[in-house]
């Protein structure tokens, strides 16, 4: 991951040291299996942010861990990390050339609390003139 102006190692370690004990069992299992910071969970598993900026997917049923290759799921992980932890807000930083998402008007959500399927929770999209 490039262009993120924070020291992820220090921030994730600091956050991990103060994680609440009432987190879901899946989050705790994902944190233990990956040594990362769980940031999002759905039927597909738990997305975990690693100190090097990688995003992993932890499957609580199989206990399998894999690197997330799809850009949309990395965006979901970054967006949820930024919304959950103030120290990680820069993960939602809009890159040069990106524009406000026309579907959610920059909020990252539609219909109240559903993650926008156009920007995947970031609030911005790459402009058609720029590449991802």
N, C-alpha and C. Protein backbone atom coordinates (compact mmCIF):
# COMPACT_ATOMS: atom_id res chain seq x y z
N UNK A 1 0.86 -1.17 0.00
CA UNK A 1 0.00 0.00 0.00
C UNK A 1 0.89 1.22 0.00
N UNK A 2 0.68 2.13 -0.91
CA UNK A 2 1.50 3.31 -0.98
C UNK A 2 0.67 4.56 -0.82
N UNK A 3 1.33 5.65 -0.47
CA UNK A 3 0.66 6.92 -0.39
C UNK A 3 -0.11 7.19 0.88
N UNK A 4 -0.05 6.32 1.86
CA UNK A 4 -0.76 6.54 3.11
C UNK A 4 0.20 7.21 4.09
N UNK A 5 -0.10 8.45 4.49
CA UNK A 5 0.84 9.21 5.32
C UNK A 5 0.74 8.90 6.81
N UNK A 6 0.74 7.64 7.16
CA UNK A 6 0.74 7.27 8.57
C UNK A 6 1.69 6.10 8.76
N UNK A 7 2.10 5.90 9.98
CA UNK A 7 2.93 4.76 10.32
C UNK A 7 1.99 3.65 10.77
N UNK A 8 1.58 2.79 9.84
CA UNK A 8 0.60 1.75 10.16
C UNK A 8 1.07 0.83 11.27
N UNK A 9 2.33 0.52 11.30
CA UNK A 9 2.84 -0.39 12.33
C UNK A 9 2.54 0.17 13.71
N UNK A 10 2.92 1.40 13.95
CA UNK A 10 2.72 2.01 15.26
C UNK A 10 1.23 2.16 15.58
N UNK A 11 0.45 2.60 14.60
CA UNK A 11 -0.97 2.85 14.84
C UNK A 11 -1.70 1.54 15.12
N UNK A 12 -1.48 0.52 14.31
CA UNK A 12 -2.18 -0.75 14.52
C UNK A 12 -1.78 -1.39 15.83
N UNK A 13 -0.52 -1.32 16.18
CA UNK A 13 -0.10 -1.88 17.48
C UNK A 13 -0.76 -1.14 18.63
N UNK A 14 -0.83 0.18 18.54
CA UNK A 14 -1.46 0.96 19.61
C UNK A 14 -2.95 0.63 19.73
N UNK A 15 -3.63 0.51 18.59
CA UNK A 15 -5.05 0.19 18.61
C UNK A 15 -5.26 -1.22 19.16
N UNK A 16 -4.47 -2.17 18.69
CA UNK A 16 -4.62 -3.56 19.13
C UNK A 16 -4.46 -3.70 20.64
N UNK A 17 -3.63 -2.86 21.23
CA UNK A 17 -3.43 -2.93 22.68
C UNK A 17 -4.63 -2.43 23.47
N UNK A 18 -5.56 -1.76 22.81
CA UNK A 18 -6.72 -1.25 23.54
C UNK A 18 -8.05 -1.75 22.99
N UNK A 19 -8.01 -2.84 22.20
CA UNK A 19 -9.25 -3.39 21.66
C UNK A 19 -10.17 -3.82 22.80
N UNK A 20 -11.45 -3.50 22.69
CA UNK A 20 -12.38 -3.89 23.75
C UNK A 20 -12.57 -5.40 23.80
N UNK A 21 -12.79 -5.90 24.98
CA UNK A 21 -12.98 -7.33 25.17
C UNK A 21 -14.32 -7.84 24.67
N UNK A 22 -15.24 -6.93 24.33
CA UNK A 22 -16.55 -7.36 23.88
C UNK A 22 -16.65 -7.52 22.36
N UNK A 23 -15.53 -7.53 21.69
CA UNK A 23 -15.57 -7.76 20.25
C UNK A 23 -16.07 -9.16 19.95
N UNK A 24 -16.56 -9.35 18.73
CA UNK A 24 -17.09 -10.66 18.37
C UNK A 24 -16.00 -11.71 18.43
N UNK A 25 -16.42 -12.93 18.65
CA UNK A 25 -15.49 -14.05 18.67
C UNK A 25 -14.74 -14.14 17.35
N UNK A 26 -15.41 -13.87 16.23
CA UNK A 26 -14.75 -13.91 14.93
C UNK A 26 -13.65 -12.86 14.83
N UNK A 27 -13.89 -11.67 15.35
CA UNK A 27 -12.87 -10.62 15.34
C UNK A 27 -11.66 -11.06 16.16
N UNK A 28 -11.93 -11.58 17.34
CA UNK A 28 -10.81 -12.01 18.19
C UNK A 28 -10.03 -13.14 17.53
N UNK A 29 -10.73 -14.10 16.92
CA UNK A 29 -10.05 -15.20 16.23
C UNK A 29 -9.24 -14.69 15.05
N UNK A 30 -9.81 -13.73 14.30
CA UNK A 30 -9.10 -13.16 13.15
C UNK A 30 -7.85 -12.42 13.60
N UNK A 31 -7.94 -11.67 14.68
CA UNK A 31 -6.78 -10.94 15.18
C UNK A 31 -5.68 -11.90 15.60
N UNK A 32 -6.07 -12.96 16.27
CA UNK A 32 -5.08 -13.94 16.73
C UNK A 32 -4.44 -14.68 15.55
N UNK A 33 -5.23 -15.03 14.55
CA UNK A 33 -4.71 -15.80 13.40
C UNK A 33 -3.83 -14.97 12.48
N UNK A 34 -4.04 -13.66 12.46
CA UNK A 34 -3.33 -12.81 11.49
C UNK A 34 -2.35 -11.81 12.09
N UNK A 35 -2.44 -11.60 13.38
CA UNK A 35 -1.67 -10.53 14.04
C UNK A 35 -1.99 -9.17 13.45
N UNK A 36 -3.22 -9.02 12.94
CA UNK A 36 -3.65 -7.77 12.35
C UNK A 36 -4.84 -7.20 13.09
N UNK A 37 -5.43 -6.17 12.51
CA UNK A 37 -6.55 -5.45 13.10
C UNK A 37 -7.83 -5.75 12.33
N UNK A 38 -8.76 -6.51 12.91
CA UNK A 38 -10.03 -6.79 12.23
C UNK A 38 -10.83 -5.49 12.08
N UNK A 39 -11.35 -5.27 10.87
CA UNK A 39 -12.06 -4.01 10.63
C UNK A 39 -13.44 -4.18 10.02
N UNK A 40 -13.77 -5.36 9.49
CA UNK A 40 -15.06 -5.54 8.82
C UNK A 40 -15.40 -7.03 8.82
N UNK A 41 -16.69 -7.32 9.01
CA UNK A 41 -17.14 -8.71 8.99
C UNK A 41 -18.45 -8.82 8.25
N UNK A 42 -18.56 -9.84 7.40
CA UNK A 42 -19.83 -10.18 6.77
C UNK A 42 -19.85 -11.68 6.54
N UNK A 43 -20.76 -12.17 5.71
CA UNK A 43 -20.88 -13.61 5.48
C UNK A 43 -19.61 -14.21 4.86
N UNK A 44 -18.82 -13.39 4.19
CA UNK A 44 -17.60 -13.87 3.55
C UNK A 44 -16.42 -14.01 4.49
N UNK A 45 -16.56 -13.52 5.71
CA UNK A 45 -15.48 -13.60 6.68
C UNK A 45 -15.15 -12.25 7.28
N UNK A 46 -13.94 -12.15 7.81
CA UNK A 46 -13.48 -10.95 8.49
C UNK A 46 -12.33 -10.36 7.70
N UNK A 47 -12.42 -9.05 7.39
CA UNK A 47 -11.30 -8.37 6.75
C UNK A 47 -10.40 -7.81 7.83
N UNK A 48 -9.11 -8.02 7.65
CA UNK A 48 -8.11 -7.64 8.65
C UNK A 48 -7.06 -6.75 7.98
N UNK A 49 -6.75 -5.64 8.63
CA UNK A 49 -5.71 -4.73 8.15
C UNK A 49 -4.40 -5.10 8.82
N UNK A 50 -3.37 -5.31 8.01
CA UNK A 50 -2.05 -5.68 8.53
C UNK A 50 -1.15 -4.46 8.65
N UNK A 51 -0.11 -4.61 9.42
CA UNK A 51 0.81 -3.50 9.67
C UNK A 51 1.49 -3.00 8.41
N UNK A 52 1.62 -3.84 7.40
CA UNK A 52 2.27 -3.42 6.15
C UNK A 52 1.28 -2.85 5.15
N UNK A 53 0.00 -2.75 5.54
CA UNK A 53 -1.03 -2.19 4.67
C UNK A 53 -1.81 -3.23 3.90
N UNK A 54 -1.37 -4.48 3.91
CA UNK A 54 -2.12 -5.54 3.25
C UNK A 54 -3.45 -5.74 3.96
N UNK A 55 -4.40 -6.28 3.21
CA UNK A 55 -5.70 -6.66 3.78
C UNK A 55 -5.82 -8.17 3.62
N UNK A 56 -6.18 -8.82 4.70
CA UNK A 56 -6.37 -10.27 4.70
C UNK A 56 -7.83 -10.58 4.93
N UNK A 57 -8.27 -11.74 4.45
CA UNK A 57 -9.61 -12.24 4.75
C UNK A 57 -9.45 -13.48 5.60
N UNK A 58 -10.12 -13.50 6.74
CA UNK A 58 -10.10 -14.64 7.66
C UNK A 58 -11.47 -15.29 7.60
N UNK A 59 -11.49 -16.59 7.32
CA UNK A 59 -12.74 -17.35 7.29
C UNK A 59 -12.87 -18.06 8.64
N UNK A 60 -13.82 -17.64 9.48
CA UNK A 60 -13.95 -18.24 10.80
C UNK A 60 -14.36 -19.71 10.78
N UNK A 61 -15.02 -20.15 9.72
CA UNK A 61 -15.44 -21.55 9.64
C UNK A 61 -14.27 -22.49 9.33
N UNK A 62 -13.41 -22.08 8.40
CA UNK A 62 -12.29 -22.92 8.00
C UNK A 62 -10.98 -22.51 8.65
N UNK A 63 -10.98 -21.33 9.26
CA UNK A 63 -9.78 -20.72 9.85
C UNK A 63 -8.70 -20.43 8.80
N UNK A 64 -9.13 -20.30 7.57
CA UNK A 64 -8.21 -20.01 6.47
C UNK A 64 -7.98 -18.50 6.37
N UNK A 65 -6.74 -18.13 6.06
CA UNK A 65 -6.37 -16.73 5.89
C UNK A 65 -5.84 -16.57 4.47
N UNK A 66 -6.31 -15.52 3.79
CA UNK A 66 -5.82 -15.26 2.44
C UNK A 66 -5.66 -13.76 2.24
N UNK A 67 -4.74 -13.40 1.36
CA UNK A 67 -4.55 -12.00 1.00
C UNK A 67 -5.70 -11.58 0.10
N UNK A 68 -6.24 -10.41 0.36
CA UNK A 68 -7.32 -9.87 -0.45
C UNK A 68 -6.71 -9.18 -1.66
N UNK A 69 -7.06 -9.67 -2.83
CA UNK A 69 -6.53 -9.12 -4.07
C UNK A 69 -7.46 -8.10 -4.71
N UNK A 70 -8.76 -8.22 -4.44
CA UNK A 70 -9.74 -7.35 -5.08
C UNK A 70 -9.70 -5.95 -4.48
N UNK A 71 -9.54 -4.96 -5.35
CA UNK A 71 -9.45 -3.56 -4.91
C UNK A 71 -10.69 -3.14 -4.13
N UNK A 72 -11.88 -3.61 -4.54
CA UNK A 72 -13.09 -3.17 -3.85
C UNK A 72 -13.09 -3.61 -2.39
N UNK A 73 -12.59 -4.82 -2.09
CA UNK A 73 -12.57 -5.28 -0.70
C UNK A 73 -11.48 -4.59 0.11
N UNK A 74 -10.38 -4.22 -0.53
CA UNK A 74 -9.37 -3.41 0.17
C UNK A 74 -9.97 -2.06 0.53
N UNK A 75 -10.75 -1.48 -0.40
CA UNK A 75 -11.40 -0.20 -0.11
C UNK A 75 -12.38 -0.32 1.04
N UNK A 76 -13.13 -1.40 1.07
CA UNK A 76 -14.07 -1.62 2.18
C UNK A 76 -13.29 -1.67 3.50
N UNK A 77 -12.21 -2.42 3.52
CA UNK A 77 -11.41 -2.54 4.75
C UNK A 77 -10.85 -1.19 5.17
N UNK A 78 -10.30 -0.43 4.24
CA UNK A 78 -9.75 0.90 4.57
C UNK A 78 -10.84 1.83 5.06
N UNK A 79 -12.00 1.81 4.39
CA UNK A 79 -13.09 2.70 4.78
C UNK A 79 -13.59 2.39 6.20
N UNK A 80 -13.76 1.11 6.50
CA UNK A 80 -14.24 0.74 7.85
C UNK A 80 -13.18 1.01 8.91
N UNK A 81 -11.92 0.78 8.58
CA UNK A 81 -10.84 1.08 9.53
C UNK A 81 -10.83 2.58 9.83
N UNK A 82 -10.96 3.38 8.79
CA UNK A 82 -10.93 4.84 8.96
C UNK A 82 -12.13 5.34 9.75
N UNK A 83 -13.28 4.73 9.55
CA UNK A 83 -14.48 5.15 10.28
C UNK A 83 -14.46 4.69 11.74
N UNK A 84 -13.79 3.59 12.00
CA UNK A 84 -13.78 3.02 13.34
C UNK A 84 -12.70 3.63 14.22
N UNK A 85 -11.55 3.91 13.64
CA UNK A 85 -10.40 4.37 14.41
C UNK A 85 -9.92 5.71 13.88
N UNK A 86 -10.01 6.74 14.72
CA UNK A 86 -9.61 8.09 14.31
C UNK A 86 -8.18 8.13 13.76
N UNK A 87 -7.31 7.32 14.33
CA UNK A 87 -5.91 7.32 13.90
C UNK A 87 -5.73 6.85 12.46
N UNK A 88 -6.74 6.19 11.91
CA UNK A 88 -6.63 5.63 10.56
C UNK A 88 -7.47 6.39 9.53
N UNK A 89 -7.92 7.59 9.87
CA UNK A 89 -8.76 8.36 8.96
C UNK A 89 -8.09 8.64 7.62
N UNK A 90 -6.79 8.71 7.60
CA UNK A 90 -6.10 9.00 6.33
C UNK A 90 -6.26 7.87 5.31
N UNK A 91 -6.72 6.70 5.74
CA UNK A 91 -6.95 5.61 4.80
C UNK A 91 -8.10 5.92 3.83
N UNK A 92 -8.95 6.87 4.19
CA UNK A 92 -10.05 7.30 3.31
C UNK A 92 -9.68 8.52 2.49
N UNK A 93 -8.44 8.94 2.59
CA UNK A 93 -8.01 10.15 1.90
C UNK A 93 -8.25 10.02 0.40
N UNK A 94 -8.87 11.03 -0.16
CA UNK A 94 -9.19 11.03 -1.58
C UNK A 94 -7.93 11.32 -2.39
N UNK A 95 -7.57 10.42 -3.31
CA UNK A 95 -6.37 10.66 -4.13
C UNK A 95 -6.62 11.75 -5.17
N UNK A 96 -5.55 12.31 -5.69
CA UNK A 96 -5.64 13.31 -6.74
C UNK A 96 -6.38 12.69 -7.92
N UNK A 97 -7.32 13.40 -8.45
CA UNK A 97 -8.08 12.93 -9.60
C UNK A 97 -9.36 12.21 -9.25
N UNK A 98 -9.54 11.86 -7.98
CA UNK A 98 -10.78 11.19 -7.57
C UNK A 98 -11.88 12.24 -7.40
N UNK A 99 -13.12 11.79 -7.55
CA UNK A 99 -14.27 12.68 -7.41
C UNK A 99 -15.25 12.12 -6.40
N UNK A 100 -16.09 12.99 -5.86
CA UNK A 100 -17.11 12.55 -4.91
C UNK A 100 -18.01 11.50 -5.57
N UNK A 101 -18.32 10.47 -4.82
CA UNK A 101 -19.19 9.42 -5.35
C UNK A 101 -20.58 9.99 -5.62
N UNK A 102 -21.07 9.86 -6.86
CA UNK A 102 -22.38 10.41 -7.19
C UNK A 102 -23.54 9.60 -6.60
N UNK A 103 -23.30 8.37 -6.22
CA UNK A 103 -24.37 7.52 -5.69
C UNK A 103 -24.68 7.86 -4.24
N UNK A 104 -23.65 8.03 -3.42
CA UNK A 104 -23.85 8.28 -1.98
C UNK A 104 -23.55 9.72 -1.58
N UNK A 105 -23.22 10.56 -2.55
CA UNK A 105 -22.88 11.98 -2.30
C UNK A 105 -21.72 12.13 -1.34
N UNK A 106 -20.80 11.17 -1.37
CA UNK A 106 -19.59 11.27 -0.56
C UNK A 106 -19.68 10.69 0.83
N UNK A 107 -20.83 10.14 1.21
CA UNK A 107 -20.97 9.61 2.57
C UNK A 107 -20.40 8.21 2.72
N UNK A 108 -20.37 7.45 1.64
CA UNK A 108 -19.93 6.06 1.71
C UNK A 108 -21.05 5.08 2.00
N UNK A 109 -22.25 5.61 2.27
CA UNK A 109 -23.40 4.77 2.61
C UNK A 109 -24.63 5.15 1.78
N UNK A 110 -25.50 4.17 1.56
CA UNK A 110 -26.78 4.41 0.92
C UNK A 110 -27.86 3.78 1.81
N UNK A 111 -29.06 4.25 1.66
CA UNK A 111 -30.19 3.72 2.44
C UNK A 111 -29.90 3.66 3.94
N UNK A 112 -29.24 4.68 4.44
CA UNK A 112 -28.94 4.74 5.87
C UNK A 112 -27.61 4.14 6.23
N UNK A 113 -27.55 2.80 6.31
CA UNK A 113 -26.31 2.19 6.79
C UNK A 113 -25.75 1.10 5.88
N UNK A 114 -26.21 1.03 4.63
CA UNK A 114 -25.67 0.05 3.68
C UNK A 114 -24.46 0.66 2.98
N UNK A 115 -23.37 -0.09 2.92
CA UNK A 115 -22.16 0.39 2.26
C UNK A 115 -22.46 0.62 0.79
N UNK A 116 -22.07 1.76 0.29
CA UNK A 116 -22.29 2.11 -1.12
C UNK A 116 -21.56 1.12 -2.02
N UNK A 117 -22.26 0.53 -2.95
CA UNK A 117 -21.67 -0.42 -3.88
C UNK A 117 -20.90 0.22 -5.01
N UNK A 118 -20.94 1.53 -5.09
CA UNK A 118 -20.21 2.24 -6.13
C UNK A 118 -18.80 2.63 -5.66
N UNK A 119 -18.71 3.14 -4.44
CA UNK A 119 -17.40 3.58 -3.91
C UNK A 119 -16.88 2.67 -2.81
N UNK A 120 -17.70 1.68 -2.40
CA UNK A 120 -17.34 0.70 -1.37
C UNK A 120 -17.01 1.34 -0.03
N UNK A 121 -17.73 2.42 0.29
CA UNK A 121 -17.59 3.06 1.59
C UNK A 121 -16.57 4.18 1.65
N UNK A 122 -15.86 4.43 0.56
CA UNK A 122 -14.82 5.46 0.60
C UNK A 122 -15.39 6.88 0.47
N UNK A 123 -16.49 7.03 -0.26
CA UNK A 123 -17.05 8.36 -0.48
C UNK A 123 -16.53 9.01 -1.74
N UNK A 124 -15.59 8.38 -2.41
CA UNK A 124 -15.01 8.90 -3.65
C UNK A 124 -14.79 7.76 -4.64
N UNK A 125 -14.70 8.12 -5.90
CA UNK A 125 -14.37 7.17 -6.95
C UNK A 125 -13.30 7.80 -7.83
N UNK A 126 -12.60 6.97 -8.56
CA UNK A 126 -11.65 7.50 -9.53
C UNK A 126 -12.45 8.16 -10.64
N UNK A 127 -11.98 9.32 -11.10
CA UNK A 127 -12.69 9.97 -12.19
C UNK A 127 -12.51 9.13 -13.45
N UNK A 128 -13.46 9.18 -14.35
CA UNK A 128 -13.35 8.38 -15.57
C UNK A 128 -12.06 8.65 -16.35
N UNK A 129 -11.50 9.85 -16.20
CA UNK A 129 -10.27 10.20 -16.93
C UNK A 129 -9.02 9.60 -16.30
N UNK A 130 -9.10 9.16 -15.02
CA UNK A 130 -7.92 8.62 -14.36
C UNK A 130 -8.06 7.11 -14.22
N UNK A 131 -6.95 6.45 -14.03
CA UNK A 131 -6.99 5.00 -13.85
C UNK A 131 -6.76 4.65 -12.40
N UNK A 132 -7.17 3.48 -11.99
CA UNK A 132 -7.03 3.05 -10.59
C UNK A 132 -5.69 2.43 -10.34
